[in-house]
Amino acid sequence: LEPFSSCSYMHGGQQPQKHYGITSSISMAFPREVDHQYTQKLSEAMKPFGVFEDEDELNHRLAVLGKLNTFVKEWIAEISETKNLPPSAITNVGGKIFTFGSYRLGVHTKGADIDALCVSPRHVERTDFFDSFFAKLKLHEEIKDLRVSVIKVYLLCLVAGQIDLLFARLALQSIPDNLDLRGDSHLRNLDIRCIRSLNGCRVTDEILYLVPNKENFRLTLRAIKLWAKRRGIYSNMLGFLGGVSWAMLVARTCQLYPNAVAATLVHKFFLVFSKWEWPNPVLLKQPEDSNLNLPVWDPRVNPSDRYHLMPIITPAYPQQNSTYNVSTSTRTIMSEEFKYGLSVTDDILQGKTDWSKLFQPPNFFLKYKHYIVLTASASTEENQLEWIGLVESKIRVLVGNLERNEYITLAHVNPTSFPGNKESCSENEFVSMWFIGIIFKKVENAESVNIDLTYDIQSFTDTVYRQANNINMLKDGMKIEATHVKKKQLHQYLPVELVQRKKRVGWMLSSGRGSIPFCHSWSTSQPYFKGPPLGPCSQCVLKRGPGEEGILRKANV
């Protein structure tokens, strides 16, 4: 039993019941042979999507991170020398690279970025990191591209992909190789930027510490992240959930079913969260107060926290809600997806379908009658990359405006952006588009109601332009437009295959009473076929009545 768990003794001198997390487990049942078989099938179903990194890629990344760690130590030693530290101190000054996010959790996919943190001793300043360390990196032959923002350095390494590197300095004279960041005492006397930089590592390490079985957790999380991406609900920025939030939901499921394997845990994940009574928070452990006077999520103290719709609370101090971007619409969409996931996994575990069905994407462009097309354009590719980053970060403002419109029930943003239609774009114009599905409320005398979205859209575009001006980003050619269209007009913006309903090729049974759809479970080995047994097929709703026999022919159904 790992040290985070606790025991509560049962009546009658029975064995103590193990606790994981803030409540007792729902089931301590151990897996059956069939559960292992379903888990193997789940793993096989994920392989075509590139969710598993091969041994060579993994070793490349480890080697690069090792070199980067050595590089950081060299740089800190050089900085220490310029600051006149004694030679004995310089020898032991240390420095370390920590990873966090999906790479640290062990669920990164092929080619995914690595989130990393450079930790330095107290005499190294943040300005040193963005000046001398950045300059030193520029000279490194293995680094293909290098960019810097206000909070991090982006390294594009030839063999390891992109590494996003944050910086934090601790109030320590030296940074030992065996440093553990989980202790709250490391946060003392730090500025808020360093505390935020440390938070990613501390949360990731705490999640791993709080799950009963790391391997079961990892495979389950890979499946849930793949499902969320395929179903279009993976985006913290747009008001869905990001990687750390999905990890915490999976970790909570593992705590409730500590001995279950991945196939069972995926099913239980949907069972638990399709029935979860939001806004009750998801917690992996009881929040602790470390008396450091840092702001934490606490609706008893902070009135604004009471309005969070889907709180999932990080387990490391200072505890925060990782889902503050969730809106009424995105919560509704995710709740529907949890229920759909439960229905599919019910069928999988009953042998009615296979795991591939769980990862089938919905057809967003057939789901709604009305859409908002949001277009962001710029005159150069470089400007466009900057511009779409800002626009995308503000889309949830538009969703919020639409939700507050009295005639709108739901605003569903598709996280995927699409390039502009080449025919309608000028030669020197770079265009990206996002689509928001709209459900209008049913009102009496609908023909006489004129729904005006001008204010909702205008206030959003004003917000984006104002923000761009404030950070001196706005350049000639940067434009943003939002247009209301109906489903039948989407072909003007998107490839035909995305907006047309796919025809399923199947079999029809020609008989004296006309053609009826042919069930996939019937045999087609004979050219002349007398039809299925009377009554319904076990795998579909088709029925055959007396005398329904005829010739099989292929048809679109």
Protein backbone atom coordinates (compact mmCIF):
# COMPACT_ATOMS: atom_id res chain seq x y z
CA LEU A 1 0.00 0.00 0.00
CA GLU A 2 1.47 3.36 -0.98
CA PRO A 3 1.76 6.07 1.67
CA PHE A 4 -0.98 8.33 0.27
CA SER A 5 -3.69 5.76 0.94
CA SER A 6 -5.39 5.26 4.28
CA CYS A 7 -7.34 2.50 5.98
CA SER A 8 -10.71 2.46 7.71
CA TYR A 9 -11.46 -0.52 9.93
CA MET A 10 -14.69 -2.42 9.34
CA HIS A 11 -17.03 -3.90 11.95
CA GLY A 12 -16.51 -7.37 13.40
CA GLY A 13 -12.72 -7.36 13.29
CA GLN A 14 -12.60 -7.71 9.49
CA GLN A 15 -9.59 -6.67 7.42
CA PRO A 16 -9.26 -2.88 7.03
CA GLN A 17 -10.60 -1.40 3.82
CA LYS A 18 -8.04 0.57 1.81
CA HIS A 19 -8.74 4.19 0.91
CA TYR A 20 -7.42 6.02 -2.12
CA GLY A 21 -8.21 9.71 -2.36
CA ILE A 22 -10.86 11.48 -0.30
CA THR A 23 -13.44 8.66 -0.17
CA SER A 24 -13.48 4.90 0.06
CA SER A 25 -13.23 2.95 -3.19
CA ILE A 26 -16.36 1.91 -5.08
CA SER A 27 -14.92 -1.52 -5.86
CA MET A 28 -11.74 -3.35 -4.87
CA ALA A 29 -12.45 -6.17 -7.35
CA PHE A 30 -9.46 -7.68 -9.13
CA PRO A 31 -9.51 -8.14 -12.92
CA ARG A 32 -10.79 -11.31 -14.57
CA GLU A 33 -9.11 -12.95 -17.54
CA VAL A 34 -11.69 -11.40 -19.88
CA ASP A 35 -10.79 -7.92 -18.53
CA HIS A 36 -7.17 -8.49 -19.52
CA GLN A 37 -8.33 -9.59 -22.97
CA TYR A 38 -10.43 -6.44 -23.43
CA THR A 39 -7.46 -4.35 -22.27
CA GLN A 40 -5.22 -5.97 -24.88
CA LYS A 41 -7.83 -5.24 -27.57
CA LEU A 42 -8.03 -1.63 -26.37
CA SER A 43 -4.27 -1.26 -26.68
CA GLU A 44 -4.35 -2.71 -30.21
CA ALA A 45 -7.18 -0.37 -31.23
CA MET A 46 -5.10 2.68 -30.22
CA LYS A 47 -1.96 1.75 -32.15
CA PRO A 48 -3.11 3.08 -35.56
CA PHE A 49 -3.49 6.55 -34.02
CA GLY A 50 0.21 6.86 -33.11
CA VAL A 51 -0.35 7.14 -29.37
CA PHE A 52 2.62 4.90 -28.51
CA GLU A 53 6.19 6.04 -29.04
CA ASP A 54 8.66 3.38 -30.18
CA GLU A 55 11.84 2.53 -28.25
CA ASP A 56 14.16 4.48 -30.59
CA GLU A 57 12.16 7.71 -30.30
CA LEU A 58 11.98 7.35 -26.53
CA ASN A 59 15.74 6.82 -26.27
CA HIS A 60 16.38 9.84 -28.51
CA ARG A 61 14.29 12.04 -26.23
CA LEU A 62 16.01 10.75 -23.10
CA ALA A 63 19.42 11.44 -24.65
CA VAL A 64 18.44 14.99 -25.65
CA LEU A 65 17.01 15.76 -22.21
CA GLY A 66 20.24 14.43 -20.66
CA LYS A 67 22.29 16.77 -22.87
CA LEU A 68 20.00 19.68 -22.01
CA ASN A 69 20.42 18.93 -18.30
CA THR A 70 24.23 19.00 -18.68
CA PHE A 71 23.94 22.18 -20.76
CA VAL A 72 21.94 23.88 -17.96
CA LYS A 73 24.55 22.93 -15.35
CA GLU A 74 27.33 24.36 -17.53
CA TRP A 75 25.43 27.60 -18.02
CA ILE A 76 24.67 28.01 -14.29
CA ALA A 77 28.35 27.40 -13.49
CA GLU A 78 29.35 30.08 -16.03
CA ILE A 79 26.79 32.54 -14.60
CA SER A 80 28.02 31.78 -11.08
CA GLU A 81 31.56 32.62 -12.13
CA THR A 82 30.50 36.01 -13.51
CA LYS A 83 28.79 36.71 -10.17
CA ASN A 84 32.03 36.06 -8.30
CA LEU A 85 30.99 32.94 -6.41
CA PRO A 86 33.96 31.07 -4.89
CA PRO A 87 35.27 28.08 -6.93
CA SER A 88 34.15 25.60 -4.26
CA ALA A 89 30.56 26.88 -4.54
CA ILE A 90 30.64 26.86 -8.35
CA THR A 91 31.60 23.17 -8.38
CA ASN A 92 28.47 22.22 -6.40
CA VAL A 93 26.01 24.84 -7.67
CA GLY A 94 24.06 22.30 -9.76
CA GLY A 95 20.90 23.04 -11.73
CA LYS A 96 18.34 20.63 -13.14
CA ILE A 97 15.82 20.01 -15.92
CA PHE A 98 12.46 18.63 -14.78
CA THR A 99 9.74 17.45 -17.17
CA PHE A 100 6.00 17.72 -16.62
CA GLY A 101 2.74 17.28 -18.52
CA SER A 102 2.12 14.28 -20.77
CA TYR A 103 5.81 13.39 -21.07
CA ARG A 104 6.28 13.20 -17.29
CA LEU A 105 3.02 11.27 -16.92
CA GLY A 106 4.28 8.77 -19.49
CA VAL A 107 1.42 9.28 -21.97
CA HIS A 108 3.04 11.44 -24.67
CA THR A 109 2.37 10.56 -28.29
CA LYS A 110 4.72 10.33 -31.28
CA GLY A 111 6.26 13.71 -32.06
CA ALA A 112 4.54 15.49 -29.15
CA ASP A 113 6.16 18.51 -27.51
CA ILE A 114 7.97 18.06 -24.19
CA ASP A 115 7.09 20.42 -21.36
CA ALA A 116 10.17 21.08 -19.24
CA LEU A 117 11.35 23.31 -16.40
CA CYS A 118 14.81 24.70 -15.77
CA VAL A 119 15.44 25.03 -12.01
CA SER A 120 18.29 27.21 -10.81
CA PRO A 121 19.72 28.35 -7.45
CA ARG A 122 18.84 31.73 -5.97
CA HIS A 123 21.69 33.80 -7.46
CA VAL A 124 20.56 33.13 -11.06
CA GLU A 125 18.05 35.74 -12.21
CA ARG A 126 15.13 35.31 -14.59
CA THR A 127 16.77 37.88 -16.89
CA ASP A 128 19.85 35.63 -17.04
CA PHE A 129 17.69 32.80 -18.38
CA PHE A 130 16.14 34.88 -21.15
CA ASP A 131 19.43 36.59 -22.05
CA SER A 132 22.59 34.55 -21.55
CA PHE A 133 20.95 31.10 -21.60
CA PHE A 134 19.03 31.98 -24.77
CA ALA A 135 22.26 33.25 -26.38
CA LYS A 136 24.10 30.05 -25.39
CA LEU A 137 21.32 27.90 -26.88
CA LYS A 138 21.58 29.76 -30.20
CA LEU A 139 25.11 28.42 -30.62
CA HIS A 140 24.07 24.78 -30.09
CA GLU A 141 24.33 22.77 -33.33
CA GLU A 142 21.50 20.32 -32.51
CA ILE A 143 18.90 23.07 -32.10
CA LYS A 144 17.12 23.80 -35.36
CA ASP A 145 14.88 26.66 -34.27
CA LEU A 146 14.67 28.84 -31.19
CA ARG A 147 11.93 31.24 -30.07
CA VAL A 148 11.24 33.07 -26.84
CA SER A 149 8.06 34.42 -25.21
CA VAL A 150 7.45 36.27 -21.97
CA ILE A 151 7.30 33.06 -19.93
CA LYS A 152 9.19 30.34 -21.83
CA VAL A 153 11.83 29.42 -24.38
CA TYR A 154 10.81 27.16 -27.29
CA LEU A 155 13.54 24.82 -28.57
CA LEU A 156 13.04 22.81 -31.74
CA CYS A 157 15.55 19.99 -31.45
CA LEU A 158 16.41 17.83 -34.44
CA VAL A 159 15.83 14.48 -32.72
CA ALA A 160 13.44 15.26 -29.84
CA GLY A 161 10.88 17.59 -31.40
CA GLN A 162 9.89 20.78 -29.63
CA ILE A 163 10.81 21.38 -25.98
CA ASP A 164 8.91 24.16 -24.20
CA LEU A 165 11.17 25.32 -21.38
CA LEU A 166 10.00 27.31 -18.34
CA PHE A 167 12.27 28.78 -15.66
CA ALA A 168 12.14 28.89 -11.86
CA ARG A 169 14.78 29.80 -9.30
CA LEU A 170 14.55 28.40 -5.79
CA ALA A 171 15.72 30.06 -2.57
CA LEU A 172 18.58 27.55 -2.36
CA GLN A 173 22.36 27.93 -2.68
CA SER A 174 22.57 24.87 -4.94
CA ILE A 175 20.27 22.50 -6.83
CA PRO A 176 21.07 18.82 -6.11
CA ASP A 177 20.35 16.04 -8.63
CA ASN A 178 17.97 14.33 -6.19
CA LEU A 179 15.81 17.42 -5.62
CA ASP A 180 12.09 16.61 -5.09
CA LEU A 181 9.79 19.53 -5.91
CA ARG A 182 6.74 18.10 -4.12
CA GLY A 183 7.62 19.73 -0.78
CA ASP A 184 5.66 22.96 -0.19
CA SER A 185 8.66 24.50 1.60
CA HIS A 186 10.28 25.10 -1.82
CA LEU A 187 7.64 27.78 -2.48
CA ARG A 188 8.82 30.02 0.37
CA ASN A 189 10.23 33.41 -0.64
CA LEU A 190 9.53 32.86 -4.36
CA ASP A 191 7.92 35.36 -6.71
CA ILE A 192 4.60 34.38 -8.25
CA ARG A 193 6.14 33.69 -11.69
CA CYS A 194 8.42 31.03 -10.24
CA ILE A 195 5.53 29.52 -8.25
CA ARG A 196 3.49 29.25 -11.46
CA SER A 197 6.42 27.70 -13.32
CA LEU A 198 6.87 25.10 -10.56
CA ASN A 199 3.15 24.32 -10.51
CA GLY A 200 3.20 22.11 -13.64
CA CYS A 201 5.85 19.78 -12.20
CA ARG A 202 4.32 19.72 -8.73
CA VAL A 203 0.83 18.86 -10.04
CA THR A 204 2.13 16.15 -12.39
CA ASP A 205 4.24 14.51 -9.66
CA GLU A 206 1.34 14.64 -7.21
CA ILE A 207 -1.03 12.96 -9.69
CA LEU A 208 1.43 10.10 -10.19
CA TYR A 209 1.84 9.78 -6.42
CA LEU A 210 -1.92 9.59 -5.85
CA VAL A 211 -2.82 6.79 -8.30
CA PRO A 212 -2.84 3.15 -7.09
CA ASN A 213 -1.26 1.63 -10.22
CA LYS A 214 0.72 3.85 -12.60
CA GLU A 215 0.66 1.50 -15.60
CA ASN A 216 -3.13 1.03 -15.49
CA PHE A 217 -3.49 4.80 -15.07
CA ARG A 218 -1.27 5.50 -18.09
CA LEU A 219 -3.01 3.18 -20.52
CA THR A 220 -6.43 4.45 -19.40
CA LEU A 221 -5.33 8.06 -19.77
CA ARG A 222 -3.98 7.38 -23.28
CA ALA A 223 -7.39 5.98 -24.24
CA ILE A 224 -9.36 8.87 -22.72
CA LYS A 225 -7.11 11.53 -24.27
CA LEU A 226 -7.43 9.87 -27.70
CA TRP A 227 -11.21 9.63 -27.27
CA ALA A 228 -11.47 13.30 -26.21
CA LYS A 229 -9.39 14.48 -29.19
CA ARG A 230 -11.33 12.33 -31.66
CA ARG A 231 -14.66 13.57 -30.25
CA GLY A 232 -13.58 17.25 -30.42
CA ILE A 233 -13.61 18.01 -26.68
CA TYR A 234 -9.87 18.37 -25.97
CA SER A 235 -9.00 22.06 -25.61
CA ASN A 236 -8.59 24.01 -22.39
CA MET A 237 -8.33 27.24 -24.38
CA LEU A 238 -11.74 26.78 -26.02
CA GLY A 239 -13.56 25.83 -22.83
CA PHE A 240 -13.26 22.04 -22.93
CA LEU A 241 -10.66 20.15 -20.87
CA GLY A 242 -6.90 20.15 -21.33
CA GLY A 243 -4.41 17.37 -20.63
CA VAL A 244 -4.02 17.92 -16.87
CA SER A 245 -7.82 17.96 -16.34
CA TRP A 246 -8.32 14.69 -18.23
CA ALA A 247 -5.43 13.22 -16.20
CA MET A 248 -7.11 14.17 -12.92
CA LEU A 249 -10.46 12.66 -13.96
CA VAL A 250 -8.72 9.41 -14.90
CA ALA A 251 -6.71 9.48 -11.65
CA ARG A 252 -9.94 9.84 -9.65
CA THR A 253 -11.42 6.86 -11.51
CA CYS A 254 -8.31 4.83 -10.64
CA GLN A 255 -8.73 5.76 -6.97
CA LEU A 256 -12.35 4.56 -7.02
CA TYR A 257 -11.43 1.25 -8.75
CA PRO A 258 -7.83 0.71 -7.54
CA ASN A 259 -7.36 -2.86 -8.79
CA ALA A 260 -9.09 -2.53 -12.17
CA VAL A 261 -7.24 -2.75 -15.50
CA ALA A 262 -7.52 -0.21 -18.33
CA ALA A 263 -10.54 -1.66 -20.17
CA THR A 264 -12.58 -1.64 -16.97
CA LEU A 265 -11.28 1.79 -15.96
CA VAL A 266 -12.28 3.35 -19.30
CA HIS A 267 -15.81 2.02 -18.82
CA LYS A 268 -15.93 3.14 -15.17
CA PHE A 269 -14.61 6.58 -16.20
CA PHE A 270 -17.72 7.10 -18.34
CA LEU A 271 -19.96 5.60 -15.67
CA VAL A 272 -18.64 7.92 -12.94
CA PHE A 273 -18.59 11.17 -14.92
CA SER A 274 -21.81 10.64 -16.86
CA LYS A 275 -23.49 10.65 -13.45
CA TRP A 276 -21.33 13.26 -11.69
CA GLU A 277 -23.35 16.06 -10.15
CA TRP A 278 -21.52 19.17 -11.30
CA PRO A 279 -20.52 21.65 -9.94
CA ASN A 280 -19.41 19.34 -7.11
CA PRO A 281 -15.60 19.44 -7.42
CA VAL A 282 -13.35 16.53 -8.38
CA LEU A 283 -10.59 16.22 -5.75
CA LEU A 284 -7.72 13.72 -5.61
CA LYS A 285 -6.89 14.60 -1.99
CA GLN A 286 -8.07 16.91 0.76
CA PRO A 287 -6.72 20.43 0.17
CA GLU A 288 -3.94 21.41 2.58
CA ASP A 289 -3.04 24.85 3.85
CA SER A 290 0.70 25.43 3.93
CA ASN A 291 0.39 28.89 5.57
CA LEU A 292 2.17 30.58 2.68
CA ASN A 293 -0.77 32.94 2.03
CA LEU A 294 -1.06 32.00 -1.62
CA PRO A 295 -4.48 32.24 -3.33
CA VAL A 296 -6.20 28.84 -3.57
CA TRP A 297 -9.51 27.60 -4.98
CA ASP A 298 -12.04 27.86 -2.15
CA PRO A 299 -15.67 28.79 -2.87
CA ARG A 300 -16.26 29.38 0.85
CA VAL A 301 -13.80 32.30 0.73
CA ASN A 302 -13.74 33.39 -2.93
CA PRO A 303 -17.16 34.33 -4.35
CA SER A 304 -15.91 33.99 -7.95
CA ASP A 305 -15.07 30.31 -7.35
CA ARG A 306 -18.77 29.63 -6.72
CA TYR A 307 -19.52 30.27 -10.38
CA HIS A 308 -17.17 27.61 -11.75
CA LEU A 309 -19.29 25.07 -13.62
CA MET A 310 -17.08 21.98 -13.68
CA PRO A 311 -14.34 22.33 -11.02
CA ILE A 312 -11.44 19.86 -11.17
CA ILE A 313 -8.96 20.84 -8.49
CA THR A 314 -5.19 20.40 -8.80
CA PRO A 315 -3.75 18.31 -5.94
CA ALA A 316 -0.60 20.40 -5.27
CA TYR A 317 -0.55 23.59 -3.19
CA PRO A 318 -1.67 26.22 -4.12
CA GLN A 319 -4.76 24.30 -5.31
CA GLN A 320 -6.39 25.73 -8.43
CA ASN A 321 -9.37 24.89 -10.61
CA SER A 322 -7.94 23.66 -13.93
CA THR A 323 -11.28 24.10 -15.74
CA TYR A 324 -12.21 27.73 -15.11
CA ASN A 325 -12.72 28.20 -18.88
CA VAL A 326 -15.63 25.71 -19.03
CA SER A 327 -18.90 27.34 -20.12
CA THR A 328 -22.52 26.23 -19.99
CA SER A 329 -22.31 25.00 -23.59
CA THR A 330 -19.01 23.12 -23.27
CA ARG A 331 -20.17 21.42 -20.07
CA THR A 332 -23.39 20.33 -21.80
CA ILE A 333 -21.43 18.96 -24.78
CA MET A 334 -18.97 17.07 -22.54
CA SER A 335 -21.80 15.64 -20.42
CA GLU A 336 -23.43 14.30 -23.60
CA GLU A 337 -20.13 12.77 -24.67
CA PHE A 338 -19.68 11.05 -21.29
CA LYS A 339 -23.11 9.44 -21.75
CA TYR A 340 -22.30 8.43 -25.31
CA GLY A 341 -18.98 6.95 -24.14
CA LEU A 342 -20.81 4.93 -21.50
CA SER A 343 -23.24 3.58 -24.09
CA VAL A 344 -20.41 2.56 -26.44
CA THR A 345 -18.28 0.92 -23.72
CA ASP A 346 -21.36 -0.93 -22.44
CA ASP A 347 -21.69 -2.43 -25.92
CA ILE A 348 -17.94 -3.18 -26.16
CA LEU A 349 -17.88 -5.08 -22.87
CA GLN A 350 -21.00 -7.01 -23.94
CA GLY A 351 -19.27 -8.07 -27.17
CA LYS A 352 -21.65 -6.08 -29.42
CA THR A 353 -18.97 -3.86 -30.96
CA ASP A 354 -15.23 -3.23 -30.73
CA TRP A 355 -13.01 -0.45 -29.37
CA SER A 356 -12.67 1.29 -32.73
CA LYS A 357 -16.21 2.60 -32.33
CA LEU A 358 -15.19 4.59 -29.24
CA PHE A 359 -12.68 6.54 -31.33
CA GLN A 360 -14.98 7.34 -34.25
CA PRO A 361 -15.29 11.13 -34.65
CA PRO A 362 -18.73 12.77 -34.79
CA ASN A 363 -19.71 14.66 -37.94
CA PHE A 364 -19.87 18.15 -36.50
CA PHE A 365 -21.03 19.67 -39.77
CA LEU A 366 -24.19 17.58 -39.94
CA LYS A 367 -25.16 18.10 -36.30
CA TYR A 368 -26.54 21.65 -36.38
CA LYS A 369 -28.80 23.69 -38.64
CA HIS A 370 -26.97 26.96 -37.97
CA TYR A 371 -23.28 27.89 -37.69
CA ILE A 372 -21.08 30.89 -37.06
CA VAL A 373 -18.05 30.95 -39.36
CA LEU A 374 -15.19 32.81 -37.68
CA THR A 375 -12.45 33.91 -40.11
CA ALA A 376 -9.03 35.28 -39.16
CA SER A 377 -6.73 36.50 -41.94
CA ALA A 378 -3.34 38.18 -42.34
CA SER A 379 -1.10 39.22 -45.22
CA THR A 380 1.94 37.07 -44.32
CA GLU A 381 2.34 33.58 -42.93
CA GLU A 382 4.36 34.85 -39.95
CA ASN A 383 1.69 37.43 -39.07
CA GLN A 384 -1.00 34.78 -39.45
CA LEU A 385 0.65 32.48 -36.89
CA GLU A 386 0.64 35.31 -34.35
CA TRP A 387 -2.87 36.44 -35.24
CA ILE A 388 -4.60 33.05 -35.05
CA GLY A 389 -2.98 32.42 -31.66
CA LEU A 390 -4.63 35.55 -30.26
CA VAL A 391 -7.97 34.97 -32.01
CA GLU A 392 -8.19 31.35 -30.83
CA SER A 393 -7.46 32.39 -27.23
CA LYS A 394 -10.48 34.71 -27.36
CA ILE A 395 -13.03 32.43 -29.06
CA ARG A 396 -14.52 31.50 -25.70
CA VAL A 397 -15.44 35.22 -25.34
CA LEU A 398 -17.61 34.87 -28.45
CA VAL A 399 -19.11 31.62 -27.08
CA GLY A 400 -19.94 33.44 -23.83
CA ASN A 401 -21.59 36.29 -25.74
CA LEU A 402 -23.71 33.84 -27.73
CA GLU A 403 -24.71 31.90 -24.59
CA ARG A 404 -26.01 35.11 -23.03
CA ASN A 405 -28.24 35.77 -26.05
CA GLU A 406 -31.82 35.03 -24.94
CA TYR A 407 -32.57 33.14 -28.16
CA ILE A 408 -29.57 30.77 -28.08
CA THR A 409 -29.59 27.46 -26.21
CA LEU A 410 -26.12 26.21 -27.09
CA ALA A 411 -22.94 27.38 -28.86
CA HIS A 412 -20.60 24.51 -29.80
CA VAL A 413 -17.14 25.47 -31.07
CA ASN A 414 -15.22 22.90 -33.12
CA PRO A 415 -11.59 22.94 -31.81
CA THR A 416 -10.21 22.22 -35.30
CA SER A 417 -9.37 25.23 -37.45
CA PHE A 418 -9.57 25.02 -41.25
CA PRO A 419 -7.67 26.83 -44.00
CA GLY A 420 -9.56 29.35 -46.08
CA ASN A 421 -11.12 28.44 -49.40
CA LYS A 422 -8.41 29.07 -52.04
CA GLU A 423 -10.98 30.29 -54.56
CA SER A 424 -12.23 33.06 -52.26
CA CYS A 425 -8.81 34.10 -50.86
CA SER A 426 -6.49 36.57 -52.56
CA GLU A 427 -2.96 35.47 -53.41
CA ASN A 428 -1.31 37.30 -50.50
CA GLU A 429 -3.89 36.36 -47.89
CA PHE A 430 -3.50 33.65 -45.24
CA VAL A 431 -6.83 32.55 -43.75
CA SER A 432 -7.95 30.28 -40.89
CA MET A 433 -11.55 29.45 -40.03
CA TRP A 434 -13.35 28.11 -36.96
CA PHE A 435 -16.95 26.89 -36.89
CA ILE A 436 -19.44 27.27 -34.05
CA GLY A 437 -22.64 25.21 -34.15
CA ILE A 438 -25.69 27.07 -32.84
CA ILE A 439 -28.96 25.80 -31.39
CA PHE A 440 -31.68 28.45 -31.24
CA LYS A 441 -34.48 28.27 -28.69
CA LYS A 442 -37.86 27.23 -29.99
CA VAL A 443 -40.16 30.22 -29.76
CA GLU A 444 -43.77 30.79 -30.68
CA ASN A 445 -44.34 32.70 -33.92
CA ALA A 446 -40.74 31.97 -34.93
CA GLU A 447 -41.30 33.47 -38.38
CA SER A 448 -41.88 36.90 -36.86
CA VAL A 449 -38.83 36.79 -34.56
CA ASN A 450 -35.73 38.43 -36.02
CA ILE A 451 -32.62 37.24 -34.12
CA ASP A 452 -29.81 39.78 -34.37
CA LEU A 453 -26.31 38.52 -33.53
CA THR A 454 -24.57 41.76 -34.53
CA TYR A 455 -23.90 42.94 -30.97
CA ASP A 456 -22.61 39.52 -29.81
CA ILE A 457 -20.18 39.33 -32.72
CA GLN A 458 -19.15 43.00 -32.70
CA SER A 459 -18.28 43.01 -28.99
CA PHE A 460 -16.09 39.93 -29.59
CA THR A 461 -14.20 41.43 -32.54
CA ASP A 462 -13.74 44.67 -30.56
CA THR A 463 -12.20 42.63 -27.71
CA VAL A 464 -9.74 40.93 -30.07
CA TYR A 465 -8.66 44.15 -31.81
CA ARG A 466 -8.30 45.95 -28.47
CA GLN A 467 -6.11 43.15 -27.07
CA ALA A 468 -3.99 43.14 -30.25
CA ASN A 469 -3.49 46.91 -29.93
CA ASN A 470 -2.57 46.65 -26.24
CA ILE A 471 0.26 44.20 -26.97
CA ASN A 472 1.36 45.98 -30.19
CA MET A 473 0.50 42.94 -32.34
CA LEU A 474 -1.99 44.47 -34.77
CA LYS A 475 -0.48 44.84 -38.25
CA ASP A 476 -1.81 45.83 -41.66
CA GLY A 477 -3.86 43.02 -43.20
CA MET A 478 -4.92 41.42 -39.91
CA LYS A 479 -8.69 40.96 -40.03
CA ILE A 480 -11.36 39.02 -38.22
CA GLU A 481 -14.92 38.35 -39.39
CA ALA A 482 -17.83 36.27 -38.09
CA THR A 483 -20.72 35.23 -40.31
CA HIS A 484 -23.94 33.34 -39.60
CA VAL A 485 -24.61 30.56 -42.15
CA LYS A 486 -27.01 27.66 -42.47
CA LYS A 487 -25.89 24.06 -42.82
CA LYS A 488 -26.68 23.97 -46.54
CA GLN A 489 -24.22 26.87 -47.09
CA LEU A 490 -21.21 25.15 -45.47
CA HIS A 491 -20.01 23.78 -48.82
CA GLN A 492 -18.97 27.34 -49.68
CA TYR A 493 -16.33 27.16 -46.92
CA LEU A 494 -15.39 23.48 -46.57
CA PRO A 495 -14.55 20.44 -48.71
CA VAL A 496 -17.62 18.56 -49.89
CA GLU A 497 -16.66 15.35 -48.05
CA LEU A 498 -16.93 17.15 -44.67
CA VAL A 499 -20.43 18.51 -45.18
CA GLN A 500 -22.17 15.68 -47.02
CA ARG A 501 -23.69 12.72 -45.24
CA LYS A 502 -21.70 9.61 -46.11
CA LYS A 503 -23.62 6.87 -47.83
CA ARG A 504 -23.19 3.48 -46.24
CA VAL A 505 -22.72 0.63 -48.69
CA GLY A 506 -24.82 -2.33 -47.65
CA TRP A 507 -27.06 -5.05 -49.03
CA MET A 508 -30.72 -4.91 -49.93
CA LEU A 509 -32.96 -7.92 -50.02
CA SER A 510 -35.25 -7.82 -53.06
CA SER A 511 -38.51 -9.62 -52.43
CA GLY A 512 -42.08 -9.54 -53.49
CA ARG A 513 -42.78 -6.91 -50.85
CA GLY A 514 -40.02 -4.57 -52.07
CA SER A 515 -36.44 -4.08 -50.95
CA ILE A 516 -35.52 -4.24 -47.28
CA PRO A 517 -32.11 -3.45 -45.71
CA PHE A 518 -29.94 -6.51 -45.42
CA CYS A 519 -28.52 -7.30 -41.99
CA HIS A 520 -24.68 -7.53 -41.79
CA SER A 521 -24.93 -10.79 -39.82
CA TRP A 522 -26.63 -12.80 -42.55
CA SER A 523 -24.63 -15.12 -44.76
CA THR A 524 -23.91 -13.97 -48.31
CA SER A 525 -22.30 -17.15 -49.53
CA GLN A 526 -25.22 -18.14 -51.75
CA PRO A 527 -26.32 -16.11 -54.78
CA TYR A 528 -29.92 -16.95 -53.98
CA PHE A 529 -30.80 -16.40 -50.37
CA LYS A 530 -33.84 -17.35 -48.33
CA GLY A 531 -33.27 -14.65 -45.70
CA PRO A 532 -32.63 -14.62 -41.96
CA PRO A 533 -34.46 -16.51 -39.24
CA LEU A 534 -37.78 -15.05 -38.26
CA GLY A 535 -37.60 -12.29 -35.65
CA PRO A 536 -34.98 -9.68 -34.92
CA CYS A 537 -31.25 -10.09 -35.49
CA SER A 538 -29.23 -10.05 -32.28
CA GLN A 539 -27.04 -7.21 -33.61
CA CYS A 540 -29.55 -4.91 -35.27
CA VAL A 541 -33.21 -3.99 -35.39
CA LEU A 542 -34.06 -5.60 -38.71
CA LYS A 543 -36.87 -8.14 -38.72
CA ARG A 544 -38.00 -10.58 -41.33
CA GLY A 545 -41.58 -11.53 -41.79
CA PRO A 546 -43.06 -14.66 -43.38
CA GLY A 547 -42.28 -15.11 -47.05
CA GLU A 548 -39.51 -12.49 -47.17
CA GLU A 549 -37.00 -14.18 -49.42
CA GLY A 550 -35.39 -12.95 -52.58
CA ILE A 551 -32.22 -11.92 -54.36
CA LEU A 552 -29.41 -10.09 -52.57
CA ARG A 553 -28.07 -6.99 -54.30
CA LYS A 554 -25.60 -4.34 -53.21
CA ALA A 555 -27.00 -0.89 -52.65
CA ASN A 556 -26.46 2.40 -50.87
CA VAL A 557 -28.53 2.49 -47.68
